[in-house]
Amino acid sequence: QVHMEESGGGLAQAGGSLTLSCVASLQTFSLYPMAWFRQTPGYGRDIVARITSDGDTTDYATSVKGRVKISRENFKNAVYLQMNNLNPEDTAVYYCNALNTHHAPLWSWGQGTQITVSS
């Protein structure tokens, strides 16, 4: 079973920045495309950003495009999400996961990391 540990969340003011980190306990991490998801109470998890296994291609949800950057360091089994110009709508629990060939989450979910943005 793959274990993922997300970190880096916290409290932020609107307009601020945070960088999330996710480390996976998987030696073949570099083989998998990865993504960040977020979930607000009462809603499902929505994809925020994704990155190919080699890190060359990224894609972003419309709601965060231009404010967010996903990156990865395969030698550290890590994927990151740099978030800038935060707004209260970014308040959510953020999770990382690998993607299968249908761009759906592949592994069991980690505990996530909470971002709370105040206006």
C-alpha atoms as a PDB file:
ATOM      1  CA  GLN A   1       0.000   0.000   0.000  1.00  0.00           C
ATOM      2  CA  VAL A   2       1.325   3.397  -0.981  1.00  0.00           C
ATOM      3  CA  HIS A   3       1.505   5.950   1.786  1.00  0.00           C
ATOM      4  CA  MET A   4       1.344   9.620   0.897  1.00  0.00           C
ATOM      5  CA  GLU A   5       2.057  12.424   3.295  1.00  0.00           C
ATOM      6  CA  GLU A   6       0.863  15.911   2.443  1.00  0.00           C
ATOM      7  CA  SER A   7       2.144  18.965   4.284  1.00  0.00           C
ATOM      8  CA  GLY A   8       2.492  22.709   3.994  1.00  0.00           C
ATOM      9  CA  GLY A   9      -1.071  23.820   4.559  1.00  0.00           C
ATOM     10  CA  GLY A  10      -2.113  26.392   7.109  1.00  0.00           C
ATOM     11  CA  LEU A  11      -3.745  29.741   7.591  1.00  0.00           C
ATOM     12  CA  ALA A  12      -3.218  32.451   5.026  1.00  0.00           C
ATOM     13  CA  GLN A  13      -4.645  35.831   4.196  1.00  0.00           C
ATOM     14  CA  ALA A  14      -6.154  36.577   0.840  1.00  0.00           C
ATOM     15  CA  GLY A  15      -3.393  37.420  -1.559  1.00  0.00           C
ATOM     16  CA  GLY A  16      -0.882  35.291   0.278  1.00  0.00           C
ATOM     17  CA  SER A  17       1.058  32.225  -0.818  1.00  0.00           C
ATOM     18  CA  LEU A  18       1.600  28.682   0.364  1.00  0.00           C
ATOM     19  CA  THR A  19       3.541  25.748  -0.998  1.00  0.00           C
ATOM     20  CA  LEU A  20       2.254  22.253  -0.414  1.00  0.00           C
ATOM     21  CA  SER A  21       4.418  19.153  -0.447  1.00  0.00           C
ATOM     22  CA  CYS A  22       3.565  15.511  -0.878  1.00  0.00           C
ATOM     23  CA  VAL A  23       5.938  12.612  -0.413  1.00  0.00           C
ATOM     24  CA  ALA A  24       4.984   9.109  -1.517  1.00  0.00           C
ATOM     25  CA  SER A  25       6.414   5.887  -0.123  1.00  0.00           C
ATOM     26  CA  LEU A  26       6.944   4.283  -3.503  1.00  0.00           C
ATOM     27  CA  GLN A  27      10.219   3.524  -5.204  1.00  0.00           C
ATOM     28  CA  THR A  28       8.608   3.652  -8.651  1.00  0.00           C
ATOM     29  CA  PHE A  29       7.145   7.115  -8.005  1.00  0.00           C
ATOM     30  CA  SER A  30       8.754   8.457 -11.162  1.00  0.00           C
ATOM     31  CA  LEU A  31       6.558   6.223 -13.315  1.00  0.00           C
ATOM     32  CA  TYR A  32       3.306   7.881 -12.312  1.00  0.00           C
ATOM     33  CA  PRO A  33       1.584  11.076 -13.346  1.00  0.00           C
ATOM     34  CA  MET A  34       0.567  12.926 -10.215  1.00  0.00           C
ATOM     35  CA  ALA A  35      -2.118  15.387  -9.274  1.00  0.00           C
ATOM     36  CA  TRP A  36      -3.296  17.609  -6.488  1.00  0.00           C
ATOM     37  CA  PHE A  37      -6.945  17.515  -5.497  1.00  0.00           C
ATOM     38  CA  ARG A  38      -8.939  19.563  -3.042  1.00  0.00           C
ATOM     39  CA  GLN A  39     -12.098  18.962  -1.109  1.00  0.00           C
ATOM     40  CA  THR A  40     -14.443  21.296   0.726  1.00  0.00           C
ATOM     41  CA  PRO A  41     -17.029  20.046   3.243  1.00  0.00           C
ATOM     42  CA  GLY A  42     -19.998  18.455   1.542  1.00  0.00           C
ATOM     43  CA  TYR A  43     -18.301  18.214  -1.826  1.00  0.00           C
ATOM     44  CA  GLY A  44     -16.190  15.660  -3.586  1.00  0.00           C
ATOM     45  CA  ARG A  45     -12.529  15.956  -4.387  1.00  0.00           C
ATOM     46  CA  ASP A  46     -11.805  18.084  -7.435  1.00  0.00           C
ATOM     47  CA  ILE A  47      -8.576  18.020  -9.340  1.00  0.00           C
ATOM     48  CA  VAL A  48      -6.540  21.208  -9.050  1.00  0.00           C
ATOM     49  CA  ALA A  49      -3.432  20.421 -11.051  1.00  0.00           C
ATOM     50  CA  ARG A  50      -1.698  17.467 -12.630  1.00  0.00           C
ATOM     51  CA  ILE A  51       1.766  16.717 -13.904  1.00  0.00           C
ATOM     52  CA  THR A  52       3.164  13.996 -16.116  1.00  0.00           C
ATOM     53  CA  SER A  53       5.585  11.416 -14.784  1.00  0.00           C
ATOM     54  CA  ASP A  54       8.576  13.230 -16.240  1.00  0.00           C
ATOM     55  CA  GLY A  55       7.350  16.621 -15.095  1.00  0.00           C
ATOM     56  CA  ASP A  56       7.345  18.062 -18.583  1.00  0.00           C
ATOM     57  CA  THR A  57       3.634  18.698 -18.920  1.00  0.00           C
ATOM     58  CA  THR A  58       1.235  20.285 -16.468  1.00  0.00           C
ATOM     59  CA  ASP A  59      -2.440  21.103 -16.481  1.00  0.00           C
ATOM     60  CA  TYR A  60      -4.550  23.248 -14.182  1.00  0.00           C
ATOM     61  CA  ALA A  61      -8.145  23.721 -13.230  1.00  0.00           C
ATOM     62  CA  THR A  62      -9.589  26.947 -14.560  1.00  0.00           C
ATOM     63  CA  SER A  63     -10.163  28.236 -11.040  1.00  0.00           C
ATOM     64  CA  VAL A  64      -6.449  28.206 -10.217  1.00  0.00           C
ATOM     65  CA  LYS A  65      -4.799  28.721 -13.583  1.00  0.00           C
ATOM     66  CA  GLY A  66      -2.224  31.472 -13.441  1.00  0.00           C
ATOM     67  CA  ARG A  67      -1.979  31.330  -9.640  1.00  0.00           C
ATOM     68  CA  VAL A  68      -0.739  27.808  -9.062  1.00  0.00           C
ATOM     69  CA  LYS A  69       2.268  25.783 -10.139  1.00  0.00           C
ATOM     70  CA  ILE A  70       2.681  22.034  -9.781  1.00  0.00           C
ATOM     71  CA  SER A  71       6.135  20.512  -9.842  1.00  0.00           C
ATOM     72  CA  ARG A  72       7.877  17.321  -8.804  1.00  0.00           C
ATOM     73  CA  GLU A  73      11.233  15.925  -7.756  1.00  0.00           C
ATOM     74  CA  ASN A  74      11.253  12.270  -8.629  1.00  0.00           C
ATOM     75  CA  PHE A  75      14.492  11.556  -6.752  1.00  0.00           C
ATOM     76  CA  LYS A  76      12.665  12.669  -3.592  1.00  0.00           C
ATOM     77  CA  ASN A  77       9.383  10.928  -4.452  1.00  0.00           C
ATOM     78  CA  ALA A  78       7.807  14.342  -4.026  1.00  0.00           C
ATOM     79  CA  VAL A  79       5.273  16.550  -5.749  1.00  0.00           C
ATOM     80  CA  TYR A  80       4.624  20.182  -4.875  1.00  0.00           C
ATOM     81  CA  LEU A  81       1.907  22.749  -5.325  1.00  0.00           C
ATOM     82  CA  GLN A  82       2.875  26.391  -5.143  1.00  0.00           C
ATOM     83  CA  MET A  83      -0.183  28.553  -4.630  1.00  0.00           C
ATOM     84  CA  ASN A  84      -0.098  32.312  -5.029  1.00  0.00           C
ATOM     85  CA  ASN A  85      -2.661  35.067  -4.704  1.00  0.00           C
ATOM     86  CA  LEU A  86      -4.793  32.862  -2.482  1.00  0.00           C
ATOM     87  CA  ASN A  87      -8.461  33.661  -2.071  1.00  0.00           C
ATOM     88  CA  PRO A  88     -11.104  32.342   0.351  1.00  0.00           C
ATOM     89  CA  GLU A  89     -12.410  29.978  -2.339  1.00  0.00           C
ATOM     90  CA  ASP A  90      -9.118  28.112  -2.061  1.00  0.00           C
ATOM     91  CA  THR A  91     -10.042  27.031   1.462  1.00  0.00           C
ATOM     92  CA  ALA A  92     -10.111  23.231   1.373  1.00  0.00           C
ATOM     93  CA  VAL A  93      -8.259  20.091   2.311  1.00  0.00           C
ATOM     94  CA  TYR A  94      -5.641  19.348  -0.312  1.00  0.00           C
ATOM     95  CA  TYR A  95      -4.578  15.845  -1.310  1.00  0.00           C
ATOM     96  CA  CYS A  96      -2.110  14.391  -3.745  1.00  0.00           C
ATOM     97  CA  ASN A  97      -2.510  11.171  -5.657  1.00  0.00           C
ATOM     98  CA  ALA A  98      -1.239   9.353  -8.686  1.00  0.00           C
ATOM     99  CA  LEU A  99      -3.413   9.174 -11.768  1.00  0.00           C
ATOM    100  CA  ASN A 100      -4.336   6.072 -13.702  1.00  0.00           C
ATOM    101  CA  THR A 101      -4.727   5.948 -17.460  1.00  0.00           C
ATOM    102  CA  HIS A 102      -8.215   7.411 -17.125  1.00  0.00           C
ATOM    103  CA  HIS A 103      -6.889  10.352 -15.079  1.00  0.00           C
ATOM    104  CA  ALA A 104      -8.622   9.018 -11.987  1.00  0.00           C
ATOM    105  CA  PRO A 105      -6.987   8.708  -8.556  1.00  0.00           C
ATOM    106  CA  LEU A 106      -4.956   5.549  -8.290  1.00  0.00           C
ATOM    107  CA  TRP A 107      -3.974   5.089  -4.649  1.00  0.00           C
ATOM    108  CA  SER A 108      -5.711   5.292  -1.293  1.00  0.00           C
ATOM    109  CA  TRP A 109      -5.955   8.834  -0.007  1.00  0.00           C
ATOM    110  CA  GLY A 110      -3.580  10.321   2.537  1.00  0.00           C
ATOM    111  CA  GLN A 111      -4.662  12.572   5.374  1.00  0.00           C
ATOM    112  CA  GLY A 112      -4.452  15.721   3.279  1.00  0.00           C
ATOM    113  CA  THR A 113      -3.397  19.169   4.385  1.00  0.00           C
ATOM    114  CA  GLN A 114      -5.808  21.976   5.232  1.00  0.00           C
ATOM    115  CA  ILE A 115      -5.581  25.433   3.701  1.00  0.00           C
ATOM    116  CA  THR A 116      -7.724  28.149   5.218  1.00  0.00           C
ATOM    117  CA  VAL A 117      -7.731  31.550   3.561  1.00  0.00           C
ATOM    118  CA  SER A 118      -9.213  34.552   5.312  1.00  0.00           C
ATOM    119  CA  SER A 119     -10.438  37.613   3.470  1.00  0.00           C
END
